[in-house]
């Protein structure tokens, strides 16, 4: 651990400050993100880098399916919420995805 704390702590601070590069550096140092942390990074990318958001959102959805084995209705809801996060009411999409993570 450095004087700046753990990699996860630095990741969370970077997300809070909306600093993409610092969040990505901490994520690499962590060696992988939880689904919740990956969702935070996706949310950060929504407006900052739409092309990267699309790729990150697809990776998040694939991980959600692989790790949680949700029913098809939840997969559809997650995909819709990811689209809503980028193209619609951001808070609605994010709240839906967080509920799905806590439900599974």
PDB file of N, CA and C in Angstrom:
ATOM      1  N   UNK A   1       0.838  -1.169   0.000  1.00  0.00           N
ATOM      2  CA  UNK A   1       0.000   0.000   0.000  1.00  0.00           C
ATOM      3  C   UNK A   1       0.886   1.237   0.000  1.00  0.00           C
ATOM      4  N   UNK A   2       0.489   2.224  -0.784  1.00  0.00           N
ATOM      5  CA  UNK A   2       1.249   3.464  -0.847  1.00  0.00           C
ATOM      6  C   UNK A   2       0.704   4.451   0.165  1.00  0.00           C
ATOM      7  N   UNK A   3       1.349   5.608   0.228  1.00  0.00           N
ATOM      8  CA  UNK A   3       0.861   6.651   1.133  1.00  0.00           C
ATOM      9  C   UNK A   3      -0.497   7.182   0.682  1.00  0.00           C
ATOM     10  N   UNK A   4      -0.874   6.870  -0.556  1.00  0.00           N
ATOM     11  CA  UNK A   4      -2.168   7.303  -1.087  1.00  0.00           C
ATOM     12  C   UNK A   4      -3.273   6.293  -0.799  1.00  0.00           C
ATOM     13  N   UNK A   5      -2.947   5.200  -0.135  1.00  0.00           N
ATOM     14  CA  UNK A   5      -3.952   4.195   0.189  1.00  0.00           C
ATOM     15  C   UNK A   5      -3.953   3.047  -0.794  1.00  0.00           C
ATOM     16  N   UNK A   6      -4.979   2.226  -0.681  1.00  0.00           N
ATOM     17  CA  UNK A   6      -5.082   1.054  -1.541  1.00  0.00           C
ATOM     18  C   UNK A   6      -5.493   1.452  -2.957  1.00  0.00           C
ATOM     19  N   UNK A   7      -5.268   0.552  -3.883  1.00  0.00           N
ATOM     20  CA  UNK A   7      -5.684   0.794  -5.263  1.00  0.00           C
ATOM     21  C   UNK A   7      -7.197   0.988  -5.327  1.00  0.00           C
ATOM     22  N   UNK A   8      -7.929   0.198  -4.535  1.00  0.00           N
ATOM     23  CA  UNK A   8      -9.387   0.337  -4.551  1.00  0.00           C
ATOM     24  C   UNK A   8      -9.813   1.701  -4.000  1.00  0.00           C
ATOM     25  N   UNK A   9      -9.139   2.171  -2.977  1.00  0.00           N
ATOM     26  CA  UNK A   9      -9.432   3.500  -2.448  1.00  0.00           C
ATOM     27  C   UNK A   9      -9.164   4.585  -3.474  1.00  0.00           C
ATOM     28  N   UNK A  10      -8.037   4.454  -4.181  1.00  0.00           N
ATOM     29  CA  UNK A  10      -7.717   5.421  -5.236  1.00  0.00           C
ATOM     30  C   UNK A  10      -8.744   5.343  -6.359  1.00  0.00           C
ATOM     31  N   UNK A  11      -9.193   4.123  -6.680  1.00  0.00           N
ATOM     32  CA  UNK A  11     -10.222   3.950  -7.710  1.00  0.00           C
ATOM     33  C   UNK A  11     -11.500   4.692  -7.305  1.00  0.00           C
ATOM     34  N   UNK A  12     -11.936   4.471  -6.084  1.00  0.00           N
ATOM     35  CA  UNK A  12     -13.170   5.113  -5.619  1.00  0.00           C
ATOM     36  C   UNK A  12     -13.049   6.637  -5.604  1.00  0.00           C
ATOM     37  N   UNK A  13     -11.907   7.142  -5.183  1.00  0.00           N
ATOM     38  CA  UNK A  13     -11.710   8.597  -5.190  1.00  0.00           C
ATOM     39  C   UNK A  13     -11.721   9.133  -6.618  1.00  0.00           C
ATOM     40  N   UNK A  14     -11.080   8.418  -7.530  1.00  0.00           N
ATOM     41  CA  UNK A  14     -11.060   8.864  -8.929  1.00  0.00           C
ATOM     42  C   UNK A  14     -12.467   8.860  -9.521  1.00  0.00           C
ATOM     43  N   UNK A  15     -13.250   7.848  -9.196  1.00  0.00           N
ATOM     44  CA  UNK A  15     -14.634   7.803  -9.676  1.00  0.00           C
ATOM     45  C   UNK A  15     -15.396   9.004  -9.118  1.00  0.00           C
ATOM     46  N   UNK A  16     -15.243   9.243  -7.830  1.00  0.00           N
ATOM     47  CA  UNK A  16     -15.946  10.362  -7.187  1.00  0.00           C
ATOM     48  C   UNK A  16     -15.552  11.697  -7.819  1.00  0.00           C
ATOM     49  N   UNK A  17     -14.283  11.835  -8.171  1.00  0.00           N
ATOM     50  CA  UNK A  17     -13.781  13.078  -8.778  1.00  0.00           C
ATOM     51  C   UNK A  17     -14.015  13.122 -10.287  1.00  0.00           C
ATOM     52  N   UNK A  18     -14.504  12.006 -10.822  1.00  0.00           N
ATOM     53  CA  UNK A  18     -14.797  11.874 -12.251  1.00  0.00           C
ATOM     54  C   UNK A  18     -13.518  11.999 -13.097  1.00  0.00           C
ATOM     55  N   UNK A  19     -12.454  11.348 -12.631  1.00  0.00           N
ATOM     56  CA  UNK A  19     -11.165  11.366 -13.312  1.00  0.00           C
ATOM     57  C   UNK A  19     -10.920   9.989 -13.931  1.00  0.00           C
ATOM     58  N   UNK A  20     -11.192   9.881 -15.213  1.00  0.00           N
ATOM     59  CA  UNK A  20     -11.163   8.593 -15.910  1.00  0.00           C
ATOM     60  C   UNK A  20      -9.779   7.961 -15.873  1.00  0.00           C
ATOM     61  N   UNK A  21      -8.752   8.718 -16.206  1.00  0.00           N
ATOM     62  CA  UNK A  21      -7.412   8.136 -16.277  1.00  0.00           C
ATOM     63  C   UNK A  21      -6.966   7.571 -14.929  1.00  0.00           C
ATOM     64  N   UNK A  22      -7.210   8.303 -13.858  1.00  0.00           N
ATOM     65  CA  UNK A  22      -6.814   7.818 -12.534  1.00  0.00           C
ATOM     66  C   UNK A  22      -7.607   6.569 -12.166  1.00  0.00           C
ATOM     67  N   UNK A  23      -8.892   6.540 -12.519  1.00  0.00           N
ATOM     68  CA  UNK A  23      -9.721   5.363 -12.232  1.00  0.00           C
ATOM     69  C   UNK A  23      -9.210   4.148 -13.002  1.00  0.00           C
ATOM     70  N   UNK A  24      -8.850   4.348 -14.253  1.00  0.00           N
ATOM     71  CA  UNK A  24      -8.344   3.237 -15.060  1.00  0.00           C
ATOM     72  C   UNK A  24      -6.999   2.737 -14.556  1.00  0.00           C
ATOM     73  N   UNK A  25      -6.142   3.637 -14.127  1.00  0.00           N
ATOM     74  CA  UNK A  25      -4.840   3.226 -13.599  1.00  0.00           C
ATOM     75  C   UNK A  25      -5.022   2.399 -12.327  1.00  0.00           C
ATOM     76  N   UNK A  26      -5.887   2.862 -11.447  1.00  0.00           N
ATOM     77  CA  UNK A  26      -6.148   2.118 -10.210  1.00  0.00           C
ATOM     78  C   UNK A  26      -6.789   0.771 -10.519  1.00  0.00           C
ATOM     79  N   UNK A  27      -7.694   0.737 -11.502  1.00  0.00           N
ATOM     80  CA  UNK A  27      -8.345  -0.524 -11.881  1.00  0.00           C
ATOM     81  C   UNK A  27      -7.318  -1.526 -12.392  1.00  0.00           C
ATOM     82  N   UNK A  28      -6.387  -1.073 -13.201  1.00  0.00           N
ATOM     83  CA  UNK A  28      -5.332  -1.970 -13.695  1.00  0.00           C
ATOM     84  C   UNK A  28      -4.496  -2.493 -12.541  1.00  0.00           C
ATOM     85  N   UNK A  29      -4.188  -1.615 -11.597  1.00  0.00           N
ATOM     86  CA  UNK A  29      -3.402  -2.022 -10.438  1.00  0.00           C
ATOM     87  C   UNK A  29      -4.162  -3.043  -9.589  1.00  0.00           C
ATOM     88  N   UNK A  30      -5.484  -2.908  -9.528  1.00  0.00           N
ATOM     89  CA  UNK A  30      -6.308  -3.832  -8.754  1.00  0.00           C
ATOM     90  C   UNK A  30      -6.354  -5.211  -9.414  1.00  0.00           C
ATOM     91  N   UNK A  31      -6.110  -5.261 -10.708  1.00  0.00           N
ATOM     92  CA  UNK A  31      -6.116  -6.537 -11.410  1.00  0.00           C
ATOM     93  C   UNK A  31      -7.499  -7.007 -11.823  1.00  0.00           C
ATOM     94  N   UNK A  32      -8.494  -6.233 -11.589  1.00  0.00           N
ATOM     95  CA  UNK A  32      -9.855  -6.574 -11.970  1.00  0.00           C
ATOM     96  C   UNK A  32     -10.838  -5.816 -11.103  1.00  0.00           C
ATOM     97  N   UNK A  33     -12.010  -5.628 -11.630  1.00  0.00           N
ATOM     98  CA  UNK A  33     -13.047  -4.887 -10.926  1.00  0.00           C
ATOM     99  C   UNK A  33     -14.228  -5.782 -10.603  1.00  0.00           C
ATOM    100  N   UNK A  34     -14.881  -5.499  -9.495  1.00  0.00           N
ATOM    101  CA  UNK A  34     -16.157  -6.140  -9.210  1.00  0.00           C
ATOM    102  C   UNK A  34     -17.171  -5.609 -10.224  1.00  0.00           C
ATOM    103  N   UNK A  35     -18.306  -6.266 -10.328  1.00  0.00           N
ATOM    104  CA  UNK A  35     -19.356  -5.762 -11.218  1.00  0.00           C
ATOM    105  C   UNK A  35     -19.794  -4.362 -10.801  1.00  0.00           C
ATOM    106  N   UNK A  36     -19.882  -4.116  -9.507  1.00  0.00           N
ATOM    107  CA  UNK A  36     -20.295  -2.793  -9.027  1.00  0.00           C
ATOM    108  C   UNK A  36     -19.264  -1.728  -9.409  1.00  0.00           C
ATOM    109  N   UNK A  37     -17.985  -2.039  -9.246  1.00  0.00           N
ATOM    110  CA  UNK A  37     -16.945  -1.080  -9.632  1.00  0.00           C
ATOM    111  C   UNK A  37     -16.911  -0.876 -11.143  1.00  0.00           C
ATOM    112  N   UNK A  38     -17.090  -1.949 -11.893  1.00  0.00           N
ATOM    113  CA  UNK A  38     -17.127  -1.835 -13.353  1.00  0.00           C
ATOM    114  C   UNK A  38     -18.300  -0.962 -13.792  1.00  0.00           C
ATOM    115  N   UNK A  39     -19.419  -1.070 -13.092  1.00  0.00           N
ATOM    116  CA  UNK A  39     -20.567  -0.217 -13.395  1.00  0.00           C
ATOM    117  C   UNK A  39     -20.241   1.244 -13.120  1.00  0.00           C
ATOM    118  N   UNK A  40     -19.524   1.510 -12.049  1.00  0.00           N
ATOM    119  CA  UNK A  40     -19.112   2.890 -11.747  1.00  0.00           C
ATOM    120  C   UNK A  40     -18.244   3.451 -12.859  1.00  0.00           C
ATOM    121  N   UNK A  41     -17.346   2.632 -13.378  1.00  0.00           N
ATOM    122  CA  UNK A  41     -16.494   3.079 -14.487  1.00  0.00           C
ATOM    123  C   UNK A  41     -17.329   3.306 -15.744  1.00  0.00           C
ATOM    124  N   UNK A  42     -18.279   2.433 -16.008  1.00  0.00           N
ATOM    125  CA  UNK A  42     -19.176   2.629 -17.154  1.00  0.00           C
ATOM    126  C   UNK A  42     -19.906   3.966 -17.038  1.00  0.00           C
ATOM    127  N   UNK A  43     -20.437   4.225 -15.858  1.00  0.00           N
ATOM    128  CA  UNK A  43     -21.182   5.464 -15.645  1.00  0.00           C
ATOM    129  C   UNK A  43     -20.290   6.671 -15.892  1.00  0.00           C
ATOM    130  N   UNK A  44     -19.047   6.576 -15.496  1.00  0.00           N
ATOM    131  CA  UNK A  44     -18.100   7.664 -15.710  1.00  0.00           C
ATOM    132  C   UNK A  44     -17.851   7.899 -17.204  1.00  0.00           C
ATOM    133  N   UNK A  45     -17.883   6.840 -17.983  1.00  0.00           N
ATOM    134  CA  UNK A  45     -17.601   6.948 -19.418  1.00  0.00           C
ATOM    135  C   UNK A  45     -18.795   7.432 -20.241  1.00  0.00           C
ATOM    136  N   UNK A  46     -19.992   7.455 -19.675  1.00  0.00           N
ATOM    137  CA  UNK A  46     -21.187   7.738 -20.474  1.00  0.00           C
ATOM    138  C   UNK A  46     -21.067   8.976 -21.336  1.00  0.00           C
ATOM    139  N   UNK A  47     -20.695  10.086 -20.759  1.00  0.00           N
ATOM    140  CA  UNK A  47     -20.585  11.319 -21.537  1.00  0.00           C
ATOM    141  C   UNK A  47     -19.156  11.639 -21.928  1.00  0.00           C
ATOM    142  N   UNK A  48     -18.205  11.175 -21.135  1.00  0.00           N
ATOM    143  CA  UNK A  48     -16.805  11.509 -21.391  1.00  0.00           C
ATOM    144  C   UNK A  48     -16.274  10.849 -22.659  1.00  0.00           C
ATOM    145  N   UNK A  49     -16.697   9.618 -22.923  1.00  0.00           N
ATOM    146  CA  UNK A  49     -16.185   8.877 -24.082  1.00  0.00           C
ATOM    147  C   UNK A  49     -17.236   7.864 -24.539  1.00  0.00           C
ATOM    148  N   UNK A  50     -18.227   8.326 -25.310  1.00  0.00           N
ATOM    149  CA  UNK A  50     -19.343   7.455 -25.701  1.00  0.00           C
ATOM    150  C   UNK A  50     -18.928   6.162 -26.403  1.00  0.00           C
ATOM    151  N   UNK A  51     -17.921   6.206 -27.247  1.00  0.00           N
ATOM    152  CA  UNK A  51     -17.487   4.982 -27.947  1.00  0.00           C
ATOM    153  C   UNK A  51     -16.936   3.967 -26.947  1.00  0.00           C
ATOM    154  N   UNK A  52     -16.151   4.430 -26.025  1.00  0.00           N
ATOM    155  CA  UNK A  52     -15.616   3.522 -25.001  1.00  0.00           C
ATOM    156  C   UNK A  52     -16.719   3.051 -24.071  1.00  0.00           C
ATOM    157  N   UNK A  53     -17.718   3.913 -23.812  1.00  0.00           N
ATOM    158  CA  UNK A  53     -18.840   3.494 -22.978  1.00  0.00           C
ATOM    159  C   UNK A  53     -19.548   2.294 -23.607  1.00  0.00           C
ATOM    160  N   UNK A  54     -19.790   2.352 -24.897  1.00  0.00           N
ATOM    161  CA  UNK A  54     -20.488   1.252 -25.563  1.00  0.00           C
ATOM    162  C   UNK A  54     -19.746  -0.067 -25.368  1.00  0.00           C
ATOM    163  N   UNK A  55     -18.430  -0.046 -25.551  1.00  0.00           N
ATOM    164  CA  UNK A  55     -17.635  -1.265 -25.368  1.00  0.00           C
ATOM    165  C   UNK A  55     -17.649  -1.716 -23.912  1.00  0.00           C
ATOM    166  N   UNK A  56     -17.495  -0.765 -23.001  1.00  0.00           N
ATOM    167  CA  UNK A  56     -17.491  -1.100 -21.576  1.00  0.00           C
ATOM    168  C   UNK A  56     -18.857  -1.637 -21.140  1.00  0.00           C
ATOM    169  N   UNK A  57     -19.924  -1.053 -21.654  1.00  0.00           N
ATOM    170  CA  UNK A  57     -21.273  -1.504 -21.297  1.00  0.00           C
ATOM    171  C   UNK A  57     -21.516  -2.926 -21.792  1.00  0.00           C
ATOM    172  N   UNK A  58     -21.052  -3.229 -22.996  1.00  0.00           N
ATOM    173  CA  UNK A  58     -21.210  -4.595 -23.513  1.00  0.00           C
ATOM    174  C   UNK A  58     -20.402  -5.594 -22.688  1.00  0.00           C
ATOM    175  N   UNK A  59     -19.184  -5.200 -22.299  1.00  0.00           N
ATOM    176  CA  UNK A  59     -18.381  -6.083 -21.438  1.00  0.00           C
ATOM    177  C   UNK A  59     -19.051  -6.278 -20.086  1.00  0.00           C
ATOM    178  N   UNK A  60     -19.627  -5.209 -19.533  1.00  0.00           N
ATOM    179  CA  UNK A  60     -20.310  -5.304 -18.251  1.00  0.00           C
ATOM    180  C   UNK A  60     -21.507  -6.260 -18.365  1.00  0.00           C
ATOM    181  N   UNK A  61     -22.282  -6.111 -19.429  1.00  0.00           N
ATOM    182  CA  UNK A  61     -23.444  -6.972 -19.619  1.00  0.00           C
ATOM    183  C   UNK A  61     -23.017  -8.433 -19.758  1.00  0.00           C
ATOM    184  N   UNK A  62     -21.941  -8.683 -20.489  1.00  0.00           N
ATOM    185  CA  UNK A  62     -21.449 -10.060 -20.642  1.00  0.00           C
ATOM    186  C   UNK A  62     -21.013 -10.635 -19.301  1.00  0.00           C
ATOM    187  N   UNK A  63     -20.311  -9.835 -18.520  1.00  0.00           N
ATOM    188  CA  UNK A  63     -19.904 -10.299 -17.179  1.00  0.00           C
ATOM    189  C   UNK A  63     -21.111 -10.550 -16.285  1.00  0.00           C
ATOM    190  N   UNK A  64     -22.094  -9.667 -16.354  1.00  0.00           N
ATOM    191  CA  UNK A  64     -23.317  -9.832 -15.571  1.00  0.00           C
ATOM    192  C   UNK A  64     -23.973 -11.175 -15.899  1.00  0.00           C
ATOM    193  N   UNK A  65     -24.041 -11.489 -17.181  1.00  0.00           N
ATOM    194  CA  UNK A  65     -24.628 -12.760 -17.606  1.00  0.00           C
ATOM    195  C   UNK A  65     -23.773 -13.933 -17.133  1.00  0.00           C
ATOM    196  N   UNK A  66     -22.472 -13.857 -17.371  1.00  0.00           N
ATOM    197  CA  UNK A  66     -21.572 -14.956 -17.022  1.00  0.00           C
ATOM    198  C   UNK A  66     -21.498 -15.210 -15.512  1.00  0.00           C
ATOM    199  N   UNK A  67     -21.456 -14.146 -14.736  1.00  0.00           N
ATOM    200  CA  UNK A  67     -21.262 -14.296 -13.294  1.00  0.00           C
ATOM    201  C   UNK A  67     -22.556 -14.555 -12.530  1.00  0.00           C
ATOM    202  N   UNK A  68     -23.655 -14.005 -13.008  1.00  0.00           N
ATOM    203  CA  UNK A  68     -24.899 -14.104 -12.256  1.00  0.00           C
ATOM    204  C   UNK A  68     -25.902 -15.103 -12.832  1.00  0.00           C
ATOM    205  N   UNK A  69     -25.741 -15.459 -14.104  1.00  0.00           N
ATOM    206  CA  UNK A  69     -26.690 -16.346 -14.786  1.00  0.00           C
ATOM    207  C   UNK A  69     -28.142 -15.905 -14.544  1.00  0.00           C
ATOM    208  N   UNK A  70     -28.439 -14.652 -14.858  1.00  0.00           N
ATOM    209  CA  UNK A  70     -29.778 -14.125 -14.585  1.00  0.00           C
ATOM    210  C   UNK A  70     -30.805 -14.661 -15.586  1.00  0.00           C
ATOM    211  N   UNK A  71     -32.080 -14.593 -15.214  1.00  0.00           N
ATOM    212  CA  UNK A  71     -33.119 -14.957 -16.174  1.00  0.00           C
ATOM    213  C   UNK A  71     -33.125 -13.952 -17.336  1.00  0.00           C
ATOM    214  N   UNK A  72     -33.674 -14.372 -18.443  1.00  0.00           N
ATOM    215  CA  UNK A  72     -33.684 -13.547 -19.651  1.00  0.00           C
ATOM    216  C   UNK A  72     -34.301 -12.174 -19.405  1.00  0.00           C
ATOM    217  N   UNK A  73     -35.342 -12.107 -18.587  1.00  0.00           N
ATOM    218  CA  UNK A  73     -35.982 -10.817 -18.305  1.00  0.00           C
ATOM    219  C   UNK A  73     -35.004  -9.848 -17.644  1.00  0.00           C
ATOM    220  N   UNK A  74     -34.139 -10.353 -16.772  1.00  0.00           N
ATOM    221  CA  UNK A  74     -33.155  -9.476 -16.122  1.00  0.00           C
ATOM    222  C   UNK A  74     -32.057  -9.061 -17.098  1.00  0.00           C
ATOM    223  N   UNK A  75     -31.701  -9.938 -18.023  1.00  0.00           N
ATOM    224  CA  UNK A  75     -30.716  -9.574 -19.046  1.00  0.00           C
ATOM    225  C   UNK A  75     -31.277  -8.444 -19.903  1.00  0.00           C
ATOM    226  N   UNK A  76     -32.529  -8.581 -20.298  1.00  0.00           N
ATOM    227  CA  UNK A  76     -33.173  -7.543 -21.107  1.00  0.00           C
ATOM    228  C   UNK A  76     -33.262  -6.232 -20.335  1.00  0.00           C
ATOM    229  N   UNK A  77     -33.613  -6.312 -19.067  1.00  0.00           N
ATOM    230  CA  UNK A  77     -33.702  -5.117 -18.230  1.00  0.00           C
ATOM    231  C   UNK A  77     -32.334  -4.460 -18.089  1.00  0.00           C
ATOM    232  N   UNK A  78     -31.299  -5.255 -17.877  1.00  0.00           N
ATOM    233  CA  UNK A  78     -29.943  -4.708 -17.746  1.00  0.00           C
ATOM    234  C   UNK A  78     -29.514  -4.031 -19.044  1.00  0.00           C
ATOM    235  N   UNK A  79     -29.785  -4.660 -20.180  1.00  0.00           N
ATOM    236  CA  UNK A  79     -29.412  -4.059 -21.472  1.00  0.00           C
ATOM    237  C   UNK A  79     -30.158  -2.741 -21.681  1.00  0.00           C
ATOM    238  N   UNK A  80     -31.431  -2.720 -21.353  1.00  0.00           N
ATOM    239  CA  UNK A  80     -32.216  -1.485 -21.489  1.00  0.00           C
ATOM    240  C   UNK A  80     -31.702  -0.406 -20.543  1.00  0.00           C
ATOM    241  N   UNK A  81     -31.346  -0.796 -19.337  1.00  0.00           N
ATOM    242  CA  UNK A  81     -30.846   0.170 -18.357  1.00  0.00           C
ATOM    243  C   UNK A  81     -29.500   0.745 -18.803  1.00  0.00           C
ATOM    244  N   UNK A  82     -28.647  -0.078 -19.407  1.00  0.00           N
ATOM    245  CA  UNK A  82     -27.372   0.423 -19.923  1.00  0.00           C
ATOM    246  C   UNK A  82     -27.602   1.431 -21.040  1.00  0.00           C
ATOM    247  N   UNK A  83     -28.577   1.174 -21.899  1.00  0.00           N
ATOM    248  CA  UNK A  83     -28.919   2.132 -22.959  1.00  0.00           C
ATOM    249  C   UNK A  83     -29.502   3.408 -22.352  1.00  0.00           C
ATOM    250  N   UNK A  84     -30.342   3.251 -21.338  1.00  0.00           N
ATOM    251  CA  UNK A  84     -30.938   4.408 -20.654  1.00  0.00           C
ATOM    252  C   UNK A  84     -29.857   5.250 -19.996  1.00  0.00           C
ATOM    253  N   UNK A  85     -28.860   4.604 -19.443  1.00  0.00           N
ATOM    254  CA  UNK A  85     -27.751   5.297 -18.794  1.00  0.00           C
ATOM    255  C   UNK A  85     -27.059   6.240 -19.769  1.00  0.00           C
ATOM    256  N   UNK A  86     -26.928   5.813 -20.998  1.00  0.00           N
ATOM    257  CA  UNK A  86     -26.226   6.616 -22.010  1.00  0.00           C
ATOM    258  C   UNK A  86     -27.143   7.570 -22.764  1.00  0.00           C
ATOM    259  N   UNK A  87     -28.360   7.115 -23.072  1.00  0.00           N
ATOM    260  CA  UNK A  87     -29.192   7.877 -24.004  1.00  0.00           C
ATOM    261  C   UNK A  87     -30.479   8.427 -23.402  1.00  0.00           C
ATOM    262  N   UNK A  88     -30.747   8.132 -22.168  1.00  0.00           N
ATOM    263  CA  UNK A  88     -32.020   8.541 -21.595  1.00  0.00           C
ATOM    264  C   UNK A  88     -31.833   9.202 -20.252  1.00  0.00           C
ATOM    265  N   UNK A  89     -32.621   8.745 -19.311  1.00  0.00           N
ATOM    266  CA  UNK A  89     -32.555   9.275 -17.953  1.00  0.00           C
ATOM    267  C   UNK A  89     -31.492   8.498 -17.185  1.00  0.00           C
ATOM    268  N   UNK A  90     -30.347   9.130 -17.049  1.00  0.00           N
ATOM    269  CA  UNK A  90     -29.163   8.493 -16.467  1.00  0.00           C
ATOM    270  C   UNK A  90     -29.454   7.874 -15.094  1.00  0.00           C
ATOM    271  N   UNK A  91     -30.137   8.600 -14.231  1.00  0.00           N
ATOM    272  CA  UNK A  91     -30.396   8.097 -12.877  1.00  0.00           C
ATOM    273  C   UNK A  91     -31.287   6.866 -12.891  1.00  0.00           C
ATOM    274  N   UNK A  92     -32.239   6.830 -13.796  1.00  0.00           N
ATOM    275  CA  UNK A  92     -33.130   5.662 -13.896  1.00  0.00           C
ATOM    276  C   UNK A  92     -32.322   4.427 -14.288  1.00  0.00           C
ATOM    277  N   UNK A  93     -31.483   4.578 -15.297  1.00  0.00           N
ATOM    278  CA  UNK A  93     -30.650   3.456 -15.733  1.00  0.00           C
ATOM    279  C   UNK A  93     -29.715   2.979 -14.644  1.00  0.00           C
ATOM    280  N   UNK A  94     -29.051   3.911 -13.982  1.00  0.00           N
ATOM    281  CA  UNK A  94     -28.089   3.556 -12.942  1.00  0.00           C
ATOM    282  C   UNK A  94     -28.784   2.903 -11.748  1.00  0.00           C
ATOM    283  N   UNK A  95     -29.922   3.444 -11.334  1.00  0.00           N
ATOM    284  CA  UNK A  95     -30.666   2.853 -10.213  1.00  0.00           C
ATOM    285  C   UNK A  95     -31.126   1.433 -10.543  1.00  0.00           C
ATOM    286  N   UNK A  96     -31.582   1.227 -11.760  1.00  0.00           N
ATOM    287  CA  UNK A  96     -32.023  -0.105 -12.179  1.00  0.00           C
ATOM    288  C   UNK A  96     -30.869  -1.099 -12.132  1.00  0.00           C
ATOM    289  N   UNK A  97     -29.720  -0.696 -12.648  1.00  0.00           N
ATOM    290  CA  UNK A  97     -28.564  -1.585 -12.662  1.00  0.00           C
ATOM    291  C   UNK A  97     -28.083  -1.894 -11.242  1.00  0.00           C
ATOM    292  N   UNK A  98     -28.098  -0.909 -10.385  1.00  0.00           N
ATOM    293  CA  UNK A  98     -27.690  -1.151  -8.992  1.00  0.00           C
ATOM    294  C   UNK A  98     -28.667  -2.105  -8.298  1.00  0.00           C
ATOM    295  N   UNK A  99     -29.958  -1.963  -8.572  1.00  0.00           N
ATOM    296  CA  UNK A  99     -30.939  -2.887  -8.008  1.00  0.00           C
ATOM    297  C   UNK A  99     -30.709  -4.300  -8.519  1.00  0.00           C
ATOM    298  N   UNK A 100     -30.390  -4.442  -9.792  1.00  0.00           N
ATOM    299  CA  UNK A 100     -30.100  -5.771 -10.343  1.00  0.00           C
ATOM    300  C   UNK A 100     -28.880  -6.379  -9.674  1.00  0.00           C
ATOM    301  N   UNK A 101     -27.871  -5.583  -9.405  1.00  0.00           N
ATOM    302  CA  UNK A 101     -26.667  -6.107  -8.752  1.00  0.00           C
ATOM    303  C   UNK A 101     -26.959  -6.573  -7.325  1.00  0.00           C
ATOM    304  N   UNK A 102     -27.778  -5.834  -6.626  1.00  0.00           N
ATOM    305  CA  UNK A 102     -28.089  -6.199  -5.241  1.00  0.00           C
ATOM    306  C   UNK A 102     -29.082  -7.338  -5.160  1.00  0.00           C
ATOM    307  N   UNK A 103     -29.887  -7.491  -6.206  1.00  0.00           N
ATOM    308  CA  UNK A 103     -30.911  -8.541  -6.232  1.00  0.00           C
ATOM    309  C   UNK A 103     -30.287  -9.907  -6.467  1.00  0.00           C
ATOM    310  N   UNK A 104     -29.308  -9.946  -7.330  1.00  0.00           N
ATOM    311  CA  UNK A 104     -28.723 -11.238  -7.743  1.00  0.00           C
ATOM    312  C   UNK A 104     -27.836 -11.836  -6.674  1.00  0.00           C
TER     313      UNK A 104
END
